[in-house]
N, C-alpha and C. Protein backbone atom coordinates (compact mmCIF):
# COMPACT_ATOMS: atom_id res chain seq x y z
N MET A 1 109.20 76.11 22.14
CA MET A 1 109.35 76.72 23.66
C MET A 1 109.49 75.23 24.45
N GLU A 2 109.12 74.15 24.16
CA GLU A 2 109.27 72.88 24.98
C GLU A 2 110.60 72.51 24.97
N ARG A 3 111.34 72.88 24.02
CA ARG A 3 112.98 72.31 24.24
C ARG A 3 113.49 73.39 24.92
N ASN A 4 113.30 74.51 25.09
CA ASN A 4 113.81 75.54 26.01
C ASN A 4 113.40 75.12 27.50
N LEU A 5 112.13 74.84 27.65
CA LEU A 5 111.80 74.52 28.99
C LEU A 5 112.40 73.17 29.25
N ASP A 6 112.38 72.30 28.71
CA ASP A 6 113.18 71.05 29.09
C ASP A 6 114.47 71.25 29.37
N LYS A 7 115.36 72.18 28.67
CA LYS A 7 116.62 72.37 29.00
C LYS A 7 116.62 73.14 30.28
N HIS A 8 115.97 74.16 30.54
CA HIS A 8 115.84 74.91 31.73
C HIS A 8 115.56 73.94 32.97
N LEU A 9 114.82 73.07 32.79
CA LEU A 9 114.38 71.95 33.88
C LEU A 9 115.45 71.05 34.24
N ASP A 10 116.21 70.57 32.90
CA ASP A 10 117.23 69.63 33.30
C ASP A 10 118.61 70.41 33.94
N ASP A 11 118.79 71.71 33.79
CA ASP A 11 119.89 72.41 34.23
C ASP A 11 119.61 72.82 35.53
N THR A 12 118.31 72.98 36.06
CA THR A 12 117.96 73.28 37.40
C THR A 12 118.19 71.74 38.32
N PHE A 13 117.59 70.81 37.48
CA PHE A 13 117.72 69.59 38.23
C PHE A 13 119.03 69.14 38.49
N ARG A 14 119.94 69.50 37.68
CA ARG A 14 121.40 69.01 37.87
C ARG A 14 122.00 69.89 38.94
N VAL A 15 121.62 70.78 39.56
CA VAL A 15 122.21 71.70 40.43
C VAL A 15 122.32 70.65 41.81
N PRO A 16 123.51 70.77 42.51
CA PRO A 16 123.60 69.85 43.75
C PRO A 16 122.64 70.19 44.59
N GLY A 17 121.99 69.00 45.22
CA GLY A 17 121.12 69.59 46.35
C GLY A 17 119.43 69.61 45.81
N VAL A 18 119.45 69.62 44.56
CA VAL A 18 117.91 69.60 43.94
C VAL A 18 117.75 68.26 43.71
N ALA A 19 116.35 68.23 44.37
CA ALA A 19 115.81 66.28 44.13
C ALA A 19 114.73 66.49 43.09
N GLY A 20 114.38 67.59 42.97
CA GLY A 20 113.15 67.65 41.88
C GLY A 20 112.77 69.30 41.54
N VAL A 21 112.08 69.25 40.39
CA VAL A 21 111.79 70.45 39.85
C VAL A 21 110.51 70.43 39.18
N ILE A 22 109.45 71.47 39.12
CA ILE A 22 108.14 71.49 38.41
C ILE A 22 107.90 72.75 37.94
N CYS A 23 107.17 72.94 36.87
CA CYS A 23 106.93 74.11 36.19
C CYS A 23 105.46 74.03 35.84
N ALA A 24 104.80 75.16 36.36
CA ALA A 24 103.22 75.17 36.02
C ALA A 24 102.89 76.66 35.35
N ASP A 25 101.77 76.47 34.47
CA ASP A 25 101.31 77.84 33.86
C ASP A 25 100.47 78.52 34.71
N GLU A 26 99.71 79.59 34.44
CA GLU A 26 98.97 80.40 35.17
C GLU A 26 97.73 79.76 35.47
N HIS A 27 97.16 78.54 35.01
CA HIS A 27 96.05 77.86 35.47
C HIS A 27 96.34 76.49 36.30
N GLY A 28 97.79 76.56 36.49
CA GLY A 28 98.32 75.39 37.13
C GLY A 28 98.55 73.97 36.66
N PHE A 29 98.49 74.16 35.23
CA PHE A 29 98.73 73.29 34.30
C PHE A 29 100.11 72.86 34.48
N CYS A 30 100.70 71.54 34.38
CA CYS A 30 102.07 71.16 34.59
C CYS A 30 102.65 71.20 33.11
N LEU A 31 103.66 72.04 33.31
CA LEU A 31 104.36 72.04 31.79
C LEU A 31 105.44 71.09 31.87
N GLY A 32 106.03 70.83 32.97
CA GLY A 32 107.00 69.88 33.08
C GLY A 32 107.59 69.78 34.48
N ALA A 33 108.07 68.58 34.91
CA ALA A 33 108.45 68.11 36.07
C ALA A 33 109.57 66.86 35.95
N LYS A 34 110.71 67.05 37.01
CA LYS A 34 111.75 66.13 36.92
C LYS A 34 112.09 65.86 38.30
N GLY A 35 112.81 64.65 38.58
CA GLY A 35 113.01 64.07 39.96
C GLY A 35 111.54 63.95 40.82
N VAL A 36 111.80 64.11 42.01
CA VAL A 36 110.65 63.77 42.98
C VAL A 36 109.31 64.75 42.76
N ALA A 37 109.35 65.73 41.89
CA ALA A 37 108.20 66.46 41.69
C ALA A 37 107.11 65.70 41.14
N ASN A 38 105.97 65.85 41.90
CA ASN A 38 104.81 65.11 41.30
C ASN A 38 104.21 66.05 40.43
N ARG A 39 103.92 65.50 39.20
CA ARG A 39 103.02 66.41 38.21
C ARG A 39 101.65 66.83 38.77
N GLU A 40 101.08 66.27 39.66
CA GLU A 40 99.88 66.48 39.96
C GLU A 40 99.67 67.48 41.05
N SER A 41 101.06 67.93 41.68
CA SER A 41 100.84 68.91 42.69
C SER A 41 101.27 70.48 41.88
N SER A 42 101.19 70.35 40.38
CA SER A 42 101.37 71.78 39.84
C SER A 42 100.20 72.67 40.27
N GLY A 43 99.07 72.26 40.17
CA GLY A 43 98.06 73.24 40.57
C GLY A 43 98.04 73.86 41.95
N HIS A 44 98.69 72.88 42.92
CA HIS A 44 98.70 73.51 44.38
C HIS A 44 99.99 74.59 44.47
N ILE A 45 101.02 74.28 43.61
CA ILE A 45 102.17 75.02 43.58
C ILE A 45 101.77 76.21 42.97
N ALA A 46 101.10 76.39 41.79
CA ALA A 46 100.65 77.51 41.28
C ALA A 46 99.75 78.38 42.26
N ASN A 47 98.90 77.83 42.97
CA ASN A 47 97.68 78.48 43.63
C ASN A 47 98.62 79.17 45.02
N ILE A 48 99.61 78.42 45.51
CA ILE A 48 100.46 79.02 46.82
C ILE A 48 101.01 80.32 46.17
N ALA A 49 101.57 80.28 45.07
CA ALA A 49 102.44 81.44 44.38
C ALA A 49 101.51 82.47 44.59
N ASP A 50 100.37 82.20 43.80
CA ASP A 50 99.47 83.08 43.48
C ASP A 50 98.69 83.80 44.69
N SER A 51 98.46 83.13 45.83
CA SER A 51 97.90 83.30 46.82
C SER A 51 98.95 84.35 47.70
N ALA A 52 100.21 83.80 47.61
CA ALA A 52 101.40 84.57 48.68
C ALA A 52 101.49 86.11 47.80
N SER A 53 101.31 86.05 46.30
CA SER A 53 101.54 87.53 45.77
C SER A 53 100.46 88.20 46.04
N LYS A 54 99.28 87.89 46.56
CA LYS A 54 98.14 88.76 46.78
C LYS A 54 98.12 89.18 48.34
N LEU A 55 99.32 88.94 48.97
CA LEU A 55 99.24 89.47 50.51
C LEU A 55 99.91 90.96 50.33
N ASN A 56 100.79 91.11 49.43
CA ASN A 56 101.12 92.48 49.35
C ASN A 56 101.52 92.79 47.61
N PRO A 57 100.16 93.20 47.25
CA PRO A 57 100.49 93.32 45.72
C PRO A 57 101.43 94.34 45.02
N SER A 58 101.62 95.24 45.86
CA SER A 58 102.50 96.38 45.53
C SER A 58 103.99 96.06 45.40
N LEU A 59 104.30 94.67 46.09
CA LEU A 59 105.74 94.00 45.91
C LEU A 59 105.82 93.10 44.91
N PRO A 60 106.97 92.91 44.56
CA PRO A 60 107.31 91.89 43.43
C PRO A 60 107.16 90.52 43.95
N ASN A 61 106.61 89.48 42.86
CA ASN A 61 106.33 88.30 43.61
C ASN A 61 107.28 87.80 44.39
N PRO A 62 106.81 87.16 45.63
CA PRO A 62 107.93 86.41 46.59
C PRO A 62 108.35 85.13 46.38
N VAL A 63 109.30 84.81 47.05
CA VAL A 63 110.02 83.43 47.04
C VAL A 63 109.13 82.82 48.09
N ILE A 64 108.50 81.68 47.88
CA ILE A 64 108.02 80.91 49.10
C ILE A 64 108.74 79.74 49.28
N SER A 65 109.24 79.39 50.59
CA SER A 65 109.85 78.49 51.07
C SER A 65 109.10 77.45 51.99
N ILE A 66 108.85 76.27 51.75
CA ILE A 66 107.72 75.43 52.78
C ILE A 66 108.89 74.15 53.03
N GLU A 67 109.38 74.33 54.26
CA GLU A 67 110.28 73.46 54.75
C GLU A 67 109.61 72.18 55.67
N GLY A 68 110.25 71.07 55.61
CA GLY A 68 109.74 69.79 56.50
C GLY A 68 110.84 69.17 56.59
N GLU A 69 110.75 68.01 57.43
CA GLU A 69 111.86 67.14 57.82
C GLU A 69 112.39 66.21 56.47
N GLY A 70 111.80 66.11 55.56
CA GLY A 70 111.78 65.67 54.20
C GLY A 70 112.63 66.52 53.13
N GLY A 71 112.66 67.80 53.63
CA GLY A 71 113.36 68.77 52.57
C GLY A 71 112.72 69.84 52.42
N SER A 72 112.76 70.79 51.30
CA SER A 72 112.09 72.01 51.23
C SER A 72 111.72 72.10 50.00
N ILE A 73 110.77 73.02 49.59
CA ILE A 73 110.37 73.47 48.19
C ILE A 73 110.45 74.91 48.29
N LEU A 74 111.06 75.45 47.22
CA LEU A 74 111.22 76.92 46.85
C LEU A 74 110.00 77.02 45.64
N ILE A 75 109.30 78.05 45.88
CA ILE A 75 108.18 78.47 44.99
C ILE A 75 108.36 79.75 44.35
N LYS A 76 108.49 80.18 43.17
CA LYS A 76 108.48 81.43 42.70
C LYS A 76 107.63 81.47 41.59
N LYS A 77 106.72 82.67 41.21
CA LYS A 77 105.94 82.85 40.13
C LYS A 77 106.66 84.13 39.46
N GLU A 78 106.73 83.95 38.04
CA GLU A 78 107.56 84.90 37.24
C GLU A 78 106.75 85.01 35.99
N ASP A 79 105.95 86.06 35.96
CA ASP A 79 104.85 86.06 34.80
C ASP A 79 103.83 85.42 34.97
N ASN A 80 103.63 84.40 33.81
CA ASN A 80 102.62 83.49 33.85
C ASN A 80 103.09 82.10 34.38
N ILE A 81 104.37 81.94 34.77
CA ILE A 81 104.71 80.46 34.96
C ILE A 81 105.12 80.68 36.44
N THR A 82 104.90 79.44 37.07
CA THR A 82 105.50 79.18 38.60
C THR A 82 106.26 77.91 38.54
N MET A 83 107.48 78.11 39.21
CA MET A 83 108.45 76.88 39.49
C MET A 83 108.47 76.72 40.76
N GLY A 84 108.71 75.33 41.00
CA GLY A 84 108.81 74.90 42.32
C GLY A 84 110.29 74.02 42.20
N ILE A 85 111.10 74.12 43.29
CA ILE A 85 112.38 73.41 43.35
C ILE A 85 112.16 73.01 44.60
N TYR A 86 112.46 71.30 44.49
CA TYR A 86 112.48 70.48 45.85
C TYR A 86 113.98 70.30 46.22
N LYS A 87 114.27 70.69 47.18
CA LYS A 87 115.62 70.27 47.65
C LYS A 87 115.52 69.35 48.95
N ALA A 88 116.73 68.61 48.66
CA ALA A 88 116.87 67.42 49.59
C ALA A 88 117.42 67.97 51.02
N PRO A 89 116.81 67.18 51.96
CA PRO A 89 117.27 67.58 53.51
C PRO A 89 118.73 67.62 53.65
N ASN A 90 119.12 68.63 54.26
CA ASN A 90 120.68 68.66 54.49
C ASN A 90 121.08 67.43 55.47
């Protein structure tokens, strides 16, 4: 599984405009991070995704976008894995 996860993180990190990528389990434990993604933020990212999914539990898990002057972070929970993609500012 680790090899597949590392490949997925590498492939995502290579996409133009992506500055970092992070993956967390359902407890917020960091499974992997690349680029500007801080491993210590995995718990917060997992919590944001979990909280957003509770806003309307009858819908599929949402994609959360947090934007700022330094770029944006896209967060999505799928099954028991949460992924955050850090995008560089345009």
